[in-house]
Amino acid sequence: MTAETTALPGEIAKFDALAAQWWDPQGPMAPLHRMNPLRCGWIASRLAAAEGRMGQSLQGLRVLDVGCGAGLASEGLARLGARVTGLDAAGTALEAARAHAAAGGLEIDYRQGTPEDLAAAGERFDAVVALEVIEHVTDRAAFLAALAAVVKPGGMVFLSTLNRTARSFLFAKLGAEYLLRLLPRGTHDWKMFVTPAELGAEARRAGLRVTDIAGMSARAGGREWRESRDVAVNYIVAARRD
């Protein structure tokens, strides 16, 4: 039996339609390609430290990538040694993910489903990541509860998302989708963006304690992304399950 889900059918269809272009670094997912080294490096550093390791080694750690799409973060984390399970409700995107991983010689366990499904099955992971996902779900509280349920006690959950500010509306919605056309129109609904305060409070109610937060800021016309203190648009969070 499939567990009750927080996935939105319209959002699944939207990202499934982009499957064939997902791995084109100049295509509609170009911003994620440019952001991905920062996201994966930030996660790896904090996860390795939490596990008492040096550098960014994730060797042997079991990591779940929720909303993996065609596998940008899954592959980045796998190349750092993690045993990655990529999870998405979009079947066509997963086909692209499997093909790309196979071509690159990477062993990634891609599955179609939701974290609620894995929680119902009793699966547990050393860490869970959900990158640019939470602003696309029906119920943030239920989604966070599902992430907490599939990470082991003491394990880490990582989320990246968009803040709901005037600047994010200007740059991430109007600028990226309508003026610069970096993303397809309709990719985001600004009303579903989440502030760090909201995310922190909802995470605590789910049994997750935020341990770190950083802004992700574009440089060089969006061609480079760096960690910053500015969380007004894009930001990334680390939380530990109590």
C-alpha atoms as a PDB file:
ATOM      1  CA  MET A   1       0.000   0.000   0.000  1.00  0.00           C
ATOM      2  CA  THR A   2       1.335   3.454  -0.913  1.00  0.00           C
ATOM      3  CA  ALA A   3       1.528   5.872   2.009  1.00  0.00           C
ATOM      4  CA  GLU A   4      -0.256   9.211   1.919  1.00  0.00           C
ATOM      5  CA  THR A   5       1.959  11.595  -0.018  1.00  0.00           C
ATOM      6  CA  THR A   6       2.901  15.275   0.075  1.00  0.00           C
ATOM      7  CA  ALA A   7       3.877  15.213  -3.619  1.00  0.00           C
ATOM      8  CA  LEU A   8       1.890  17.479  -5.952  1.00  0.00           C
ATOM      9  CA  PRO A   9       0.867  15.799  -9.256  1.00  0.00           C
ATOM     10  CA  GLY A  10       1.285  19.057 -11.164  1.00  0.00           C
ATOM     11  CA  GLU A  11       4.824  19.504  -9.860  1.00  0.00           C
ATOM     12  CA  ILE A  12       5.713  15.910 -10.743  1.00  0.00           C
ATOM     13  CA  ALA A  13       4.487  16.421 -14.316  1.00  0.00           C
ATOM     14  CA  LYS A  14       6.355  19.718 -14.584  1.00  0.00           C
ATOM     15  CA  PHE A  15       9.723  18.188 -13.763  1.00  0.00           C
ATOM     16  CA  ASP A  16       9.065  14.969 -15.681  1.00  0.00           C
ATOM     17  CA  ALA A  17       8.621  17.109 -18.799  1.00  0.00           C
ATOM     18  CA  LEU A  18      12.171  18.423 -18.362  1.00  0.00           C
ATOM     19  CA  ALA A  19      13.770  14.967 -18.091  1.00  0.00           C
ATOM     20  CA  ALA A  20      15.398  14.957 -21.533  1.00  0.00           C
ATOM     21  CA  GLN A  21      17.049  18.332 -20.872  1.00  0.00           C
ATOM     22  CA  TRP A  22      18.052  17.791 -17.252  1.00  0.00           C
ATOM     23  CA  TRP A  23      21.689  16.968 -17.954  1.00  0.00           C
ATOM     24  CA  ASP A  24      22.212  19.791 -20.463  1.00  0.00           C
ATOM     25  CA  PRO A  25      24.405  22.288 -18.560  1.00  0.00           C
ATOM     26  CA  GLN A  26      23.084  25.075 -20.790  1.00  0.00           C
ATOM     27  CA  GLY A  27      19.452  23.921 -20.635  1.00  0.00           C
ATOM     28  CA  PRO A  28      16.601  24.734 -18.248  1.00  0.00           C
ATOM     29  CA  MET A  29      18.450  23.131 -15.318  1.00  0.00           C
ATOM     30  CA  ALA A  30      21.567  25.261 -15.851  1.00  0.00           C
ATOM     31  CA  PRO A  31      21.165  27.074 -12.490  1.00  0.00           C
ATOM     32  CA  LEU A  32      21.158  23.730 -10.657  1.00  0.00           C
ATOM     33  CA  HIS A  33      24.248  22.563 -12.567  1.00  0.00           C
ATOM     34  CA  ARG A  34      26.074  25.700 -11.439  1.00  0.00           C
ATOM     35  CA  MET A  35      24.787  25.471  -7.867  1.00  0.00           C
ATOM     36  CA  ASN A  36      25.437  21.751  -7.450  1.00  0.00           C
ATOM     37  CA  PRO A  37      29.161  21.809  -6.521  1.00  0.00           C
ATOM     38  CA  LEU A  38      28.394  24.253  -3.700  1.00  0.00           C
ATOM     39  CA  ARG A  39      25.425  22.232  -2.446  1.00  0.00           C
ATOM     40  CA  CYS A  40      27.247  18.890  -2.480  1.00  0.00           C
ATOM     41  CA  GLY A  41      30.442  20.304  -0.976  1.00  0.00           C
ATOM     42  CA  TRP A  42      28.553  22.077   1.825  1.00  0.00           C
ATOM     43  CA  ILE A  43      26.620  18.913   2.655  1.00  0.00           C
ATOM     44  CA  ALA A  44      29.684  16.677   2.493  1.00  0.00           C
ATOM     45  CA  SER A  45      31.742  18.891   4.803  1.00  0.00           C
ATOM     46  CA  ARG A  46      29.071  19.019   7.487  1.00  0.00           C
ATOM     47  CA  LEU A  47      28.085  15.379   7.191  1.00  0.00           C
ATOM     48  CA  ALA A  48      31.710  14.236   7.384  1.00  0.00           C
ATOM     49  CA  ALA A  49      32.246  16.416  10.467  1.00  0.00           C
ATOM     50  CA  ALA A  50      29.103  15.026  12.105  1.00  0.00           C
ATOM     51  CA  GLU A  51      30.439  11.519  11.497  1.00  0.00           C
ATOM     52  CA  GLY A  52      33.879  12.392  12.880  1.00  0.00           C
ATOM     53  CA  ARG A  53      35.608  12.293   9.495  1.00  0.00           C
ATOM     54  CA  MET A  54      38.131  14.569   7.853  1.00  0.00           C
ATOM     55  CA  GLY A  55      37.416  16.618   4.723  1.00  0.00           C
ATOM     56  CA  GLN A  56      34.444  15.618   2.620  1.00  0.00           C
ATOM     57  CA  SER A  57      34.703  11.828   2.671  1.00  0.00           C
ATOM     58  CA  LEU A  58      31.300  10.136   2.664  1.00  0.00           C
ATOM     59  CA  GLN A  59      32.699   6.662   2.044  1.00  0.00           C
ATOM     60  CA  GLY A  60      30.127   4.021   2.887  1.00  0.00           C
ATOM     61  CA  LEU A  61      27.505   6.370   4.319  1.00  0.00           C
ATOM     62  CA  ARG A  62      23.964   5.598   3.232  1.00  0.00           C
ATOM     63  CA  VAL A  63      22.397   8.809   1.872  1.00  0.00           C
ATOM     64  CA  LEU A  64      18.858   9.349   0.593  1.00  0.00           C
ATOM     65  CA  ASP A  65      18.368  12.087  -2.024  1.00  0.00           C
ATOM     66  CA  VAL A  66      14.659  13.018  -1.922  1.00  0.00           C
ATOM     67  CA  GLY A  67      13.300  14.660  -5.057  1.00  0.00           C
ATOM     68  CA  CYS A  68      16.464  13.655  -6.906  1.00  0.00           C
ATOM     69  CA  GLY A  69      15.133  14.410 -10.396  1.00  0.00           C
ATOM     70  CA  ALA A  70      17.637  13.187 -12.971  1.00  0.00           C
ATOM     71  CA  GLY A  71      20.358  12.845 -10.361  1.00  0.00           C
ATOM     72  CA  LEU A  72      22.542  15.959 -10.178  1.00  0.00           C
ATOM     73  CA  ALA A  73      23.042  15.824  -6.409  1.00  0.00           C
ATOM     74  CA  SER A  74      22.849  12.020  -6.289  1.00  0.00           C
ATOM     75  CA  GLU A  75      25.841  11.747  -8.612  1.00  0.00           C
ATOM     76  CA  GLY A  76      27.759  14.478  -6.788  1.00  0.00           C
ATOM     77  CA  LEU A  77      27.341  12.707  -3.459  1.00  0.00           C
ATOM     78  CA  ALA A  78      28.079   9.285  -4.952  1.00  0.00           C
ATOM     79  CA  ARG A  79      31.384  10.598  -6.316  1.00  0.00           C
ATOM     80  CA  LEU A  80      32.292  11.534  -2.738  1.00  0.00           C
ATOM     81  CA  GLY A  81      31.851   7.921  -1.668  1.00  0.00           C
ATOM     82  CA  ALA A  82      28.254   7.842  -0.425  1.00  0.00           C
ATOM     83  CA  ARG A  83      25.945   4.893  -1.059  1.00  0.00           C
ATOM     84  CA  VAL A  84      23.146   6.930  -2.588  1.00  0.00           C
ATOM     85  CA  THR A  85      19.478   6.115  -2.963  1.00  0.00           C
ATOM     86  CA  GLY A  86      17.801   8.617  -5.285  1.00  0.00           C
ATOM     87  CA  LEU A  87      14.060   8.993  -4.731  1.00  0.00           C
ATOM     88  CA  ASP A  88      11.571  10.818  -6.926  1.00  0.00           C
ATOM     89  CA  ALA A  89       7.920  10.567  -7.904  1.00  0.00           C
ATOM     90  CA  ALA A  90       8.737  11.562 -11.503  1.00  0.00           C
ATOM     91  CA  GLY A  91       9.330   8.354 -13.444  1.00  0.00           C
ATOM     92  CA  THR A  92      10.652   9.895 -16.660  1.00  0.00           C
ATOM     93  CA  ALA A  93      13.231  11.927 -14.753  1.00  0.00           C
ATOM     94  CA  LEU A  94      14.368   8.740 -13.025  1.00  0.00           C
ATOM     95  CA  GLU A  95      14.875   7.036 -16.387  1.00  0.00           C
ATOM     96  CA  ALA A  96      17.231   9.874 -17.323  1.00  0.00           C
ATOM     97  CA  ALA A  97      18.957   9.523 -13.954  1.00  0.00           C
ATOM     98  CA  ARG A  98      19.549   5.791 -14.371  1.00  0.00           C
ATOM     99  CA  ALA A  99      20.887   6.209 -17.908  1.00  0.00           C
ATOM    100  CA  HIS A 100      23.284   9.002 -16.916  1.00  0.00           C
ATOM    101  CA  ALA A 101      24.596   7.135 -13.864  1.00  0.00           C
ATOM    102  CA  ALA A 102      25.168   3.989 -15.921  1.00  0.00           C
ATOM    103  CA  ALA A 103      27.060   5.964 -18.560  1.00  0.00           C
ATOM    104  CA  GLY A 104      29.280   7.400 -15.826  1.00  0.00           C
ATOM    105  CA  GLY A 105      29.899   4.064 -14.133  1.00  0.00           C
ATOM    106  CA  LEU A 106      28.077   5.063 -10.942  1.00  0.00           C
ATOM    107  CA  GLU A 107      25.997   2.673  -8.850  1.00  0.00           C
ATOM    108  CA  ILE A 108      23.020   4.634  -7.545  1.00  0.00           C
ATOM    109  CA  ASP A 109      19.831   3.023  -6.317  1.00  0.00           C
ATOM    110  CA  TYR A 110      17.111   5.068  -8.027  1.00  0.00           C
ATOM    111  CA  ARG A 111      13.550   4.473  -6.868  1.00  0.00           C
ATOM    112  CA  GLN A 112      10.194   5.941  -7.782  1.00  0.00           C
ATOM    113  CA  GLY A 113       8.198   6.997  -4.738  1.00  0.00           C
ATOM    114  CA  THR A 114       8.110   9.393  -1.815  1.00  0.00           C
ATOM    115  CA  PRO A 115       9.751   9.603   1.626  1.00  0.00           C
ATOM    116  CA  GLU A 116       6.382   8.690   3.114  1.00  0.00           C
ATOM    117  CA  ASP A 117       6.633   5.338   1.285  1.00  0.00           C
ATOM    118  CA  LEU A 118      10.087   4.635   2.731  1.00  0.00           C
ATOM    119  CA  ALA A 119       9.018   5.711   6.203  1.00  0.00           C
ATOM    120  CA  ALA A 120       6.072   3.307   6.039  1.00  0.00           C
ATOM    121  CA  ALA A 121       8.494   0.537   5.005  1.00  0.00           C
ATOM    122  CA  GLY A 122      10.766   1.272   7.991  1.00  0.00           C
ATOM    123  CA  GLU A 123      13.864   2.253   5.991  1.00  0.00           C
ATOM    124  CA  ARG A 124      16.576   4.353   7.660  1.00  0.00           C
ATOM    125  CA  PHE A 125      19.536   6.289   6.268  1.00  0.00           C
ATOM    126  CA  ASP A 126      22.638   7.941   7.704  1.00  0.00           C
ATOM    127  CA  ALA A 127      21.618  11.220   6.067  1.00  0.00           C
ATOM    128  CA  VAL A 128      18.777  12.611   3.987  1.00  0.00           C
ATOM    129  CA  VAL A 129      18.975  15.490   1.507  1.00  0.00           C
ATOM    130  CA  ALA A 130      16.069  17.327  -0.106  1.00  0.00           C
ATOM    131  CA  LEU A 131      17.353  20.082  -2.373  1.00  0.00           C
ATOM    132  CA  GLU A 132      14.984  22.587  -3.969  1.00  0.00           C
ATOM    133  CA  VAL A 133      12.075  20.298  -3.050  1.00  0.00           C
ATOM    134  CA  ILE A 134      10.258  21.620   0.005  1.00  0.00           C
ATOM    135  CA  GLU A 135       8.865  24.618  -1.903  1.00  0.00           C
ATOM    136  CA  HIS A 136       7.037  22.152  -4.180  1.00  0.00           C
ATOM    137  CA  VAL A 137       5.181  19.967  -1.627  1.00  0.00           C
ATOM    138  CA  THR A 138       1.592  20.082  -0.398  1.00  0.00           C
ATOM    139  CA  ASP A 139       2.364  20.069   3.335  1.00  0.00           C
ATOM    140  CA  ARG A 140       5.778  21.131   4.642  1.00  0.00           C
ATOM    141  CA  ALA A 141       5.165  19.816   8.159  1.00  0.00           C
ATOM    142  CA  ALA A 142       4.199  16.357   6.902  1.00  0.00           C
ATOM    143  CA  PHE A 143       7.124  16.344   4.475  1.00  0.00           C
ATOM    144  CA  LEU A 144       9.617  17.207   7.235  1.00  0.00           C
ATOM    145  CA  ALA A 145       8.104  14.530   9.458  1.00  0.00           C
ATOM    146  CA  ALA A 146       8.672  11.989   6.669  1.00  0.00           C
ATOM    147  CA  LEU A 147      12.315  13.085   6.280  1.00  0.00           C
ATOM    148  CA  ALA A 148      12.824  12.762  10.043  1.00  0.00           C
ATOM    149  CA  ALA A 149      11.283   9.291   9.970  1.00  0.00           C
ATOM    150  CA  VAL A 150      13.753   7.962   7.380  1.00  0.00           C
ATOM    151  CA  VAL A 151      16.972   9.254   8.981  1.00  0.00           C
ATOM    152  CA  LYS A 152      18.577   7.349  11.833  1.00  0.00           C
ATOM    153  CA  PRO A 153      18.573   8.918  15.333  1.00  0.00           C
ATOM    154  CA  GLY A 154      21.433  11.401  15.420  1.00  0.00           C
ATOM    155  CA  GLY A 155      21.542  11.500  11.620  1.00  0.00           C
ATOM    156  CA  MET A 156      21.560  14.623   9.484  1.00  0.00           C
ATOM    157  CA  VAL A 157      18.928  16.125   7.188  1.00  0.00           C
ATOM    158  CA  PHE A 158      19.912  18.758   4.620  1.00  0.00           C
ATOM    159  CA  LEU A 159      17.509  21.062   2.796  1.00  0.00           C
ATOM    160  CA  SER A 160      18.020  23.867   0.319  1.00  0.00           C
ATOM    161  CA  THR A 161      15.228  26.159  -0.746  1.00  0.00           C
ATOM    162  CA  LEU A 162      14.175  29.743  -1.480  1.00  0.00           C
ATOM    163  CA  ASN A 163      13.327  32.410   1.056  1.00  0.00           C
ATOM    164  CA  ARG A 164      10.010  34.247   0.688  1.00  0.00           C
ATOM    165  CA  THR A 165      11.226  37.827   0.376  1.00  0.00           C
ATOM    166  CA  ALA A 166      10.834  40.729  -2.021  1.00  0.00           C
ATOM    167  CA  ARG A 167      14.320  39.990  -3.354  1.00  0.00           C
ATOM    168  CA  SER A 168      13.494  36.348  -4.048  1.00  0.00           C
ATOM    169  CA  PHE A 169      10.360  37.419  -5.921  1.00  0.00           C
ATOM    170  CA  LEU A 170      12.409  39.831  -7.996  1.00  0.00           C
ATOM    171  CA  PHE A 171      15.391  37.578  -8.703  1.00  0.00           C
ATOM    172  CA  ALA A 172      14.183  33.971  -8.411  1.00  0.00           C
ATOM    173  CA  LYS A 173      10.719  34.444  -9.879  1.00  0.00           C
ATOM    174  CA  LEU A 174      10.525  37.477 -12.172  1.00  0.00           C
ATOM    175  CA  GLY A 175      14.205  37.630 -13.062  1.00  0.00           C
ATOM    176  CA  ALA A 176      14.978  33.936 -13.516  1.00  0.00           C
ATOM    177  CA  GLU A 177      11.712  32.914 -15.193  1.00  0.00           C
ATOM    178  CA  TYR A 178      10.552  35.996 -17.107  1.00  0.00           C
ATOM    179  CA  LEU A 179      13.431  38.419 -17.703  1.00  0.00           C
ATOM    180  CA  LEU A 180      16.552  36.264 -18.026  1.00  0.00           C
ATOM    181  CA  ARG A 181      14.623  33.052 -18.813  1.00  0.00           C
ATOM    182  CA  LEU A 182      17.069  30.939 -16.831  1.00  0.00           C
ATOM    183  CA  LEU A 183      14.158  28.695 -15.782  1.00  0.00           C
ATOM    184  CA  PRO A 184      10.929  27.716 -17.537  1.00  0.00           C
ATOM    185  CA  ARG A 185       8.010  29.972 -16.645  1.00  0.00           C
ATOM    186  CA  GLY A 186       5.959  28.531 -13.818  1.00  0.00           C
ATOM    187  CA  THR A 187       8.867  26.637 -12.235  1.00  0.00           C
ATOM    188  CA  HIS A 188       8.213  28.308  -8.890  1.00  0.00           C
ATOM    189  CA  ASP A 189       5.267  29.628  -6.908  1.00  0.00           C
ATOM    190  CA  TRP A 190       6.627  32.449  -4.732  1.00  0.00           C
ATOM    191  CA  LYS A 191       3.854  31.931  -2.180  1.00  0.00           C
ATOM    192  CA  MET A 192       5.287  28.443  -1.481  1.00  0.00           C
ATOM    193  CA  PHE A 193       8.774  29.758  -0.686  1.00  0.00           C
ATOM    194  CA  VAL A 194       9.674  29.310   2.998  1.00  0.00           C
ATOM    195  CA  THR A 195      11.522  31.619   5.364  1.00  0.00           C
ATOM    196  CA  PRO A 196      14.361  30.290   7.537  1.00  0.00           C
ATOM    197  CA  ALA A 197      12.300  31.018  10.657  1.00  0.00           C
ATOM    198  CA  GLU A 198       9.363  29.006   9.326  1.00  0.00           C
ATOM    199  CA  LEU A 199      11.596  26.142   8.259  1.00  0.00           C
ATOM    200  CA  GLY A 200      13.416  26.082  11.593  1.00  0.00           C
ATOM    201  CA  ALA A 201      10.187  26.003  13.592  1.00  0.00           C
ATOM    202  CA  GLU A 202       8.621  23.315  11.405  1.00  0.00           C
ATOM    203  CA  ALA A 203      11.817  21.255  11.569  1.00  0.00           C
ATOM    204  CA  ARG A 204      11.807  21.399  15.391  1.00  0.00           C
ATOM    205  CA  ARG A 205       8.231  20.148  15.476  1.00  0.00           C
ATOM    206  CA  ALA A 206       9.335  17.226  13.304  1.00  0.00           C
ATOM    207  CA  GLY A 207      12.153  16.354  15.721  1.00  0.00           C
ATOM    208  CA  LEU A 208      14.925  18.016  13.683  1.00  0.00           C
ATOM    209  CA  ARG A 209      17.258  20.587  15.243  1.00  0.00           C
ATOM    210  CA  VAL A 210      18.871  23.080  12.841  1.00  0.00           C
ATOM    211  CA  THR A 211      22.643  23.113  13.348  1.00  0.00           C
ATOM    212  CA  ASP A 212      23.810  25.277  10.451  1.00  0.00           C
ATOM    213  CA  ILE A 213      22.447  27.610   7.785  1.00  0.00           C
ATOM    214  CA  ALA A 214      24.106  29.449   4.917  1.00  0.00           C
ATOM    215  CA  GLY A 215      23.120  31.554   1.967  1.00  0.00           C
ATOM    216  CA  MET A 216      23.910  30.460  -1.564  1.00  0.00           C
ATOM    217  CA  SER A 217      24.755  33.491  -3.670  1.00  0.00           C
ATOM    218  CA  ALA A 218      25.289  33.729  -7.414  1.00  0.00           C
ATOM    219  CA  ARG A 219      28.374  35.452  -8.790  1.00  0.00           C
ATOM    220  CA  ALA A 220      29.632  36.272 -12.273  1.00  0.00           C
ATOM    221  CA  GLY A 221      26.176  36.641 -13.750  1.00  0.00           C
ATOM    222  CA  GLY A 222      24.968  33.392 -12.212  1.00  0.00           C
ATOM    223  CA  ARG A 223      27.839  31.287 -13.566  1.00  0.00           C
ATOM    224  CA  GLU A 224      29.320  30.682 -10.086  1.00  0.00           C
ATOM    225  CA  TRP A 225      27.726  30.035  -6.692  1.00  0.00           C
ATOM    226  CA  ARG A 226      29.358  30.633  -3.326  1.00  0.00           C
ATOM    227  CA  GLU A 227      28.426  30.216   0.311  1.00  0.00           C
ATOM    228  CA  SER A 228      27.463  33.503   1.967  1.00  0.00           C
ATOM    229  CA  ARG A 229      25.683  34.981   4.964  1.00  0.00           C
ATOM    230  CA  ASP A 230      22.944  36.319   2.720  1.00  0.00           C
ATOM    231  CA  VAL A 231      19.880  34.064   3.033  1.00  0.00           C
ATOM    232  CA  ALA A 232      17.444  36.470   1.351  1.00  0.00           C
ATOM    233  CA  VAL A 233      17.107  34.352  -1.798  1.00  0.00           C
ATOM    234  CA  ASN A 234      18.693  30.867  -1.840  1.00  0.00           C
ATOM    235  CA  TYR A 235      19.783  29.137   1.348  1.00  0.00           C
ATOM    236  CA  ILE A 236      20.786  25.711   2.646  1.00  0.00           C
ATOM    237  CA  VAL A 237      20.166  24.180   6.083  1.00  0.00           C
ATOM    238  CA  ALA A 238      21.646  21.311   8.089  1.00  0.00           C
ATOM    239  CA  ALA A 239      19.553  19.711  10.842  1.00  0.00           C
ATOM    240  CA  ARG A 240      20.130  16.805  13.202  1.00  0.00           C
ATOM    241  CA  ARG A 241      17.497  14.307  14.221  1.00  0.00           C
ATOM    242  CA  ASP A 242      17.241  14.246  18.020  1.00  0.00           C
END
